[in-house]
PDB file of N, CA and C in Angstrom:
ATOM      1  N   MET A   1     -13.788 -62.818-179.711  1.00  0.00           N
ATOM      2  CA  MET A   1     -12.483 -62.698-178.778  1.00  0.00           C
ATOM      3  C   MET A   1     -11.319 -63.359-179.372  1.00  0.00           C
ATOM      4  N   ASN A   2     -10.427 -62.883-179.900  1.00  0.00           N
ATOM      5  CA  ASN A   2      -9.193 -63.735-180.269  1.00  0.00           C
ATOM      6  C   ASN A   2      -7.949 -63.401-179.378  1.00  0.00           C
ATOM      7  N   ILE A   3      -7.606 -64.496-178.823  1.00  0.00           N
ATOM      8  CA  ILE A   3      -6.447 -64.352-177.958  1.00  0.00           C
ATOM      9  C   ILE A   3      -5.206 -65.261-178.637  1.00  0.00           C
ATOM     10  N   GLN A   4      -4.261 -64.496-178.369  1.00  0.00           N
ATOM     11  CA  GLN A   4      -2.620 -64.958-178.721  1.00  0.00           C
ATOM     12  C   GLN A   4      -2.062 -65.714-177.850  1.00  0.00           C
ATOM     13  N   LEU A   5      -1.747 -67.110-177.924  1.00  0.00           N
ATOM     14  CA  LEU A   5      -0.916 -67.772-177.018  1.00  0.00           C
ATOM     15  C   LEU A   5       0.671 -67.558-177.585  1.00  0.00           C
ATOM     16  N   ASN A   6       1.340 -66.793-176.578  1.00  0.00           N
ATOM     17  CA  ASN A   6       2.731 -66.626-176.864  1.00  0.00           C
ATOM     18  C   ASN A   6       3.790 -67.857-176.790  1.00  0.00           C
ATOM     19  N   ASP A   7       3.321 -68.652-175.790  1.00  0.00           N
ATOM     20  CA  ASP A   7       4.085 -69.971-175.605  1.00  0.00           C
ATOM     21  C   ASP A   7       3.450 -71.187-176.119  1.00  0.00           C
ATOM     22  N   ASN A   8       3.345 -71.701-177.324  1.00  0.00           N
ATOM     23  CA  ASN A   8       2.770 -72.580-177.792  1.00  0.00           C
ATOM     24  C   ASN A   8       2.775 -74.110-177.036  1.00  0.00           C
ATOM     25  N   SER A   9       3.894 -74.347-176.292  1.00  0.00           N
ATOM     26  CA  SER A   9       4.093 -75.276-175.634  1.00  0.00           C
ATOM     27  C   SER A   9       3.060 -75.633-174.190  1.00  0.00           C
ATOM     28  N   LEU A  10       2.498 -74.290-173.867  1.00  0.00           N
ATOM     29  CA  LEU A  10       1.358 -74.400-173.118  1.00  0.00           C
ATOM     30  C   LEU A  10       0.095 -75.099-173.431  1.00  0.00           C
ATOM     31  N   PHE A  11      -0.089 -75.033-174.782  1.00  0.00           N
ATOM     32  CA  PHE A  11      -1.427 -75.418-175.263  1.00  0.00           C
ATOM     33  C   PHE A  11      -1.572 -76.915-175.384  1.00  0.00           C
ATOM     34  N   LYS A  12      -2.544 -77.372-174.791  1.00  0.00           N
ATOM     35  CA  LYS A  12      -2.653 -78.837-174.813  1.00  0.00           C
ATOM     36  C   LYS A  12      -4.024 -79.271-175.142  1.00  0.00           C
ATOM     37  N   SER A  13      -4.107 -80.099-176.020  1.00  0.00           N
ATOM     38  CA  SER A  13      -5.385 -80.740-176.383  1.00  0.00           C
ATOM     39  C   SER A  13      -5.755 -82.011-176.007  1.00  0.00           C
ATOM     40  N   GLN A  14      -4.917 -82.560-175.023  1.00  0.00           N
ATOM     41  CA  GLN A  14      -5.216 -83.768-174.288  1.00  0.00           C
ATOM     42  C   GLN A  14      -5.490 -83.575-172.916  1.00  0.00           C
ATOM     43  N   ALA A  15      -5.819 -84.712-172.283  1.00  0.00           N
ATOM     44  CA  ALA A  15      -6.337 -84.861-170.786  1.00  0.00           C
ATOM     45  C   ALA A  15      -4.888 -85.192-169.877  1.00  0.00           C
ATOM     46  N   TYR A  16      -4.853 -84.651-168.916  1.00  0.00           N
ATOM     47  CA  TYR A  16      -3.516 -84.876-167.972  1.00  0.00           C
ATOM     48  C   TYR A  16      -4.146 -85.932-166.891  1.00  0.00           C
ATOM     49  N   ILE A  17      -3.735 -87.142-166.770  1.00  0.00           N
ATOM     50  CA  ILE A  17      -4.205 -88.202-166.027  1.00  0.00           C
ATOM     51  C   ILE A  17      -3.200 -88.896-165.370  1.00  0.00           C
ATOM     52  N   ASP A  18      -3.025 -88.861-164.176  1.00  0.00           N
ATOM     53  CA  ASP A  18      -2.200 -89.768-163.499  1.00  0.00           C
ATOM     54  C   ASP A  18      -0.689 -89.434-163.873  1.00  0.00           C
ATOM     55  N   GLY A  19      -0.186 -88.156-164.138  1.00  0.00           N
ATOM     56  CA  GLY A  19       0.999 -87.682-164.467  1.00  0.00           C
ATOM     57  C   GLY A  19       1.252 -87.746-166.049  1.00  0.00           C
ATOM     58  N   HIS A  20       0.308 -88.031-166.852  1.00  0.00           N
ATOM     59  CA  HIS A  20       0.579 -88.380-168.276  1.00  0.00           C
ATOM     60  C   HIS A  20      -0.425 -87.663-169.215  1.00  0.00           C
ATOM     61  N   TRP A  21      -0.023 -87.088-170.162  1.00  0.00           N
ATOM     62  CA  TRP A  21      -1.015 -86.265-171.237  1.00  0.00           C
ATOM     63  C   TRP A  21      -1.549 -87.582-171.972  1.00  0.00           C
ATOM     64  N   VAL A  22      -2.993 -87.706-172.053  1.00  0.00           N
ATOM     65  CA  VAL A  22      -3.325 -88.900-172.859  1.00  0.00           C
ATOM     66  C   VAL A  22      -4.354 -88.198-173.736  1.00  0.00           C
ATOM     67  N   ASP A  23      -4.451 -88.991-175.113  1.00  0.00           N
ATOM     68  CA  ASP A  23      -5.678 -88.603-176.118  1.00  0.00           C
ATOM     69  C   ASP A  23      -6.755 -88.934-175.451  1.00  0.00           C
ATOM     70  N   GLY A  24      -7.998 -88.602-176.077  1.00  0.00           N
ATOM     71  CA  GLY A  24      -9.528 -88.748-175.909  1.00  0.00           C
ATOM     72  C   GLY A  24      -9.627 -90.167-176.245  1.00  0.00           C
ATOM     73  N   ASP A  25     -10.811 -90.741-175.701  1.00  0.00           N
ATOM     74  CA  ASP A  25     -10.927 -92.108-176.313  1.00  0.00           C
ATOM     75  C   ASP A  25     -11.510 -92.353-177.623  1.00  0.00           C
ATOM     76  N   SER A  26     -11.767 -91.385-178.321  1.00  0.00           N
ATOM     77  CA  SER A  26     -12.274 -91.173-179.643  1.00  0.00           C
ATOM     78  C   SER A  26     -11.152 -90.896-180.687  1.00  0.00           C
ATOM     79  N   GLY A  27      -9.865 -90.303-180.028  1.00  0.00           N
ATOM     80  CA  GLY A  27      -8.806 -90.034-180.900  1.00  0.00           C
ATOM     81  C   GLY A  27      -9.212 -88.561-181.255  1.00  0.00           C
ATOM     82  N   SER A  28     -10.246 -88.041-181.226  1.00  0.00           N
ATOM     83  CA  SER A  28     -10.515 -86.605-181.842  1.00  0.00           C
ATOM     84  C   SER A  28     -10.307 -85.600-180.745  1.00  0.00           C
ATOM     85  N   THR A  29      -9.719 -84.421-181.076  1.00  0.00           N
ATOM     86  CA  THR A  29      -9.465 -83.303-180.079  1.00  0.00           C
ATOM     87  C   THR A  29     -10.079 -81.993-180.781  1.00  0.00           C
ATOM     88  N   LEU A  30     -11.131 -82.102-181.639  1.00  0.00           N
ATOM     89  CA  LEU A  30     -11.708 -80.906-182.317  1.00  0.00           C
ATOM     90  C   LEU A  30     -12.945 -80.419-181.674  1.00  0.00           C
ATOM     91  N   GLU A  31     -13.347 -81.438-180.700  1.00  0.00           N
ATOM     92  CA  GLU A  31     -14.800 -81.046-180.294  1.00  0.00           C
ATOM     93  C   GLU A  31     -14.851 -80.130-179.235  1.00  0.00           C
ATOM     94  N   VAL A  32     -15.511 -79.059-179.076  1.00  0.00           N
ATOM     95  CA  VAL A  32     -15.378 -77.968-178.039  1.00  0.00           C
ATOM     96  C   VAL A  32     -16.276 -78.533-176.977  1.00  0.00           C
ATOM     97  N   LEU A  33     -15.894 -78.832-175.678  1.00  0.00           N
ATOM     98  CA  LEU A  33     -16.598 -79.347-174.684  1.00  0.00           C
ATOM     99  C   LEU A  33     -17.141 -78.097-173.783  1.00  0.00           C
ATOM    100  N   ALA A  34     -16.412 -77.057-173.691  1.00  0.00           N
ATOM    101  CA  ALA A  34     -16.820 -75.928-172.849  1.00  0.00           C
ATOM    102  C   ALA A  34     -16.125 -74.754-173.064  1.00  0.00           C
ATOM    103  N   ASN A  35     -16.616 -73.782-172.768  1.00  0.00           N
ATOM    104  CA  ASN A  35     -15.944 -72.371-172.415  1.00  0.00           C
ATOM    105  C   ASN A  35     -15.462 -71.992-171.109  1.00  0.00           C
ATOM    106  N   VAL A  36     -14.428 -71.477-170.831  1.00  0.00           N
ATOM    107  CA  VAL A  36     -14.227 -71.202-169.444  1.00  0.00           C
ATOM    108  C   VAL A  36     -14.050 -69.804-169.270  1.00  0.00           C
ATOM    109  N   ALA A  37     -14.102 -69.270-168.016  1.00  0.00           N
ATOM    110  CA  ALA A  37     -13.928 -67.618-167.758  1.00  0.00           C
ATOM    111  C   ALA A  37     -12.380 -67.475-167.723  1.00  0.00           C
ATOM    112  N   SER A  38     -11.887 -66.433-168.381  1.00  0.00           N
ATOM    113  CA  SER A  38     -10.630 -65.974-168.158  1.00  0.00           C
ATOM    114  C   SER A  38     -10.437 -65.044-166.748  1.00  0.00           C
ATOM    115  N   VAL A  39      -9.816 -65.508-165.877  1.00  0.00           N
ATOM    116  CA  VAL A  39      -9.750 -64.777-164.515  1.00  0.00           C
ATOM    117  C   VAL A  39      -8.251 -64.364-164.329  1.00  0.00           C
ATOM    118  N   GLY A  40      -8.219 -63.377-163.593  1.00  0.00           N
ATOM    119  CA  GLY A  40      -7.035 -62.785-163.293  1.00  0.00           C
ATOM    120  C   GLY A  40      -6.126 -63.390-161.995  1.00  0.00           C
ATOM    121  N   VAL A  41      -5.161 -62.786-161.662  1.00  0.00           N
ATOM    122  CA  VAL A  41      -4.225 -63.442-160.560  1.00  0.00           C
ATOM    123  C   VAL A  41      -4.983 -63.500-159.142  1.00  0.00           C
ATOM    124  N   THR A  42      -5.794 -62.480-158.899  1.00  0.00           N
ATOM    125  CA  THR A  42      -6.564 -62.635-157.455  1.00  0.00           C
ATOM    126  C   THR A  42      -7.546 -63.676-157.400  1.00  0.00           C
ATOM    127  N   LYS A  43      -8.306 -63.759-158.644  1.00  0.00           N
ATOM    128  CA  LYS A  43      -9.471 -64.999-158.734  1.00  0.00           C
ATOM    129  C   LYS A  43      -8.709 -66.446-158.758  1.00  0.00           C
ATOM    130  N   THR A  44      -7.471 -66.226-159.473  1.00  0.00           N
ATOM    131  CA  THR A  44      -6.790 -67.704-159.633  1.00  0.00           C
ATOM    132  C   THR A  44      -6.146 -68.166-158.192  1.00  0.00           C
ATOM    133  N   LYS A  45      -5.626 -67.117-157.484  1.00  0.00           N
ATOM    134  CA  LYS A  45      -5.127 -67.561-156.129  1.00  0.00           C
ATOM    135  C   LYS A  45      -6.070 -68.112-155.198  1.00  0.00           C
ATOM    136  N   ARG A  46      -7.647 -67.255-155.318  1.00  0.00           N
ATOM    137  CA  ARG A  46      -8.543 -67.932-154.525  1.00  0.00           C
ATOM    138  C   ARG A  46      -9.196 -69.079-154.741  1.00  0.00           C
ATOM    139  N   ALA A  47      -8.980 -69.434-156.191  1.00  0.00           N
ATOM    140  CA  ALA A  47      -9.418 -70.915-156.566  1.00  0.00           C
ATOM    141  C   ALA A  47      -8.270 -71.864-156.117  1.00  0.00           C
ATOM    142  N   ILE A  48      -7.051 -71.699-156.269  1.00  0.00           N
ATOM    143  CA  ILE A  48      -6.146 -72.612-155.713  1.00  0.00           C
ATOM    144  C   ILE A  48      -6.147 -72.735-154.201  1.00  0.00           C
ATOM    145  N   ALA A  49      -6.340 -71.748-153.467  1.00  0.00           N
ATOM    146  CA  ALA A  49      -6.710 -71.729-151.896  1.00  0.00           C
ATOM    147  C   ALA A  49      -7.821 -72.531-151.773  1.00  0.00           C
ATOM    148  N   ALA A  50      -8.905 -72.423-152.224  1.00  0.00           N
ATOM    149  CA  ALA A  50     -10.106 -73.370-152.106  1.00  0.00           C
ATOM    150  C   ALA A  50      -9.874 -74.674-152.517  1.00  0.00           C
ATOM    151  N   ALA A  51      -9.069 -75.095-153.388  1.00  0.00           N
ATOM    152  CA  ALA A  51      -8.996 -76.326-153.888  1.00  0.00           C
ATOM    153  C   ALA A  51      -7.998 -77.183-152.908  1.00  0.00           C
ATOM    154  N   GLN A  52      -7.138 -76.340-151.990  1.00  0.00           N
ATOM    155  CA  GLN A  52      -6.474 -76.981-151.005  1.00  0.00           C
ATOM    156  C   GLN A  52      -7.085 -77.271-149.685  1.00  0.00           C
ATOM    157  N   VAL A  53      -8.387 -76.877-149.624  1.00  0.00           N
ATOM    158  CA  VAL A  53      -9.126 -77.218-148.428  1.00  0.00           C
ATOM    159  C   VAL A  53      -9.673 -78.509-148.434  1.00  0.00           C
TER     160      VAL A  53
END
């Protein structure tokens, strides 16, 4: 599957911690840690609602 990101500013290879984007401890951002499901609006809203509980 090949997905094109239209707005490259949305792509981040850092972690967001306490309001800041930070590099990994090793400085490397090339290791794949996980693959995640691509969900639509309905499931995204469901996840946000569940996180607020």
